Amino acid sequence: MSKLITVNLSFYNQSDFILLKHIEYWNSYPKEVKDKFTFFIIDDCSKKHASDIIKDKYDLDLHIYRVEKDLYCNIAGVRNLGATECQTPWLIILDMDTLIPKDMAKSLITLANENENENENENENKCFKFNRIVPTNNKHEKHNKPHPAVCLIRKKDYWNVGGCEEDLVGHYGYTDPSFWHRARCKIKAETKHRISLHYYPEGEADINRDKNHNFRLFKNKKNKNNWSTDFIRFKWKKVL
């Protein structure tokens, strides 16, 4: 059975609990669902290696990559690495605080199959965003709210947009706004409000979230249209 979707999960110093929670979710999928997925964990030079946390063998097509230097907020680089290594027609960009329950995994397969070919009549390609529910707290501010970044997208569309802007690496913020700004005339993002990720607040990284530097850089790049094509500016290795 051919693989259809690669899960591109970024890991940066979050807890053992939340990383293993992702594995637990993936491992709960029925075999026919698992067989359609490849799972990437890209360890962005975390203090505790992802490969030291995931010690058991799982019935998953699981691959772990590790960035060898901590560049700080290397979100764009990690996503570009996953998209480069991806061998499936679709990938889903995933953050550590968002998990894919089994019903959603089935829906992703359906979406990918239904949109296997571009709609030539409308001359547009689609990618898909999703809602969030918070299993542990339905009063949480992000409960039942769309996620701004997580998306199911064709690999070729990801690169047609231009990938993620690695000039932003080293400071927090604007990786997603930069990507979606460039995507506007190339793909149509459709939010599937009835397909929900599980959001766990403890999955958020403990980092400085000052966006001022990257806000200025984003404005400059948007005005001058001088987006970088220098991808994966770091050493990395595949560890599993």
Foldseek 3Di string as FASTA:
>chain_A
DEAAEEEQEEDAQFDLVLLVVQVVQLLPAPPVLQRRYAYEYEYAPHPDDPCVSPPDDGPHNYWYKYFPDNQAQQLQQSQLVCLVPDPHFKYKYDYSQWHAHRVLSVVLVVVCVVQVDPDVVVPAAEKEWEAAAAVVDNVDPRHLGTDQAIIMDTSVLCVVLPGFFRVCGNAADDRSVLSVVSCVVHHHYYYDSVRYIHGDVSRDDPDDHDCVVVVVVSVVCVVVVDGDNDHNPGDMDIDD
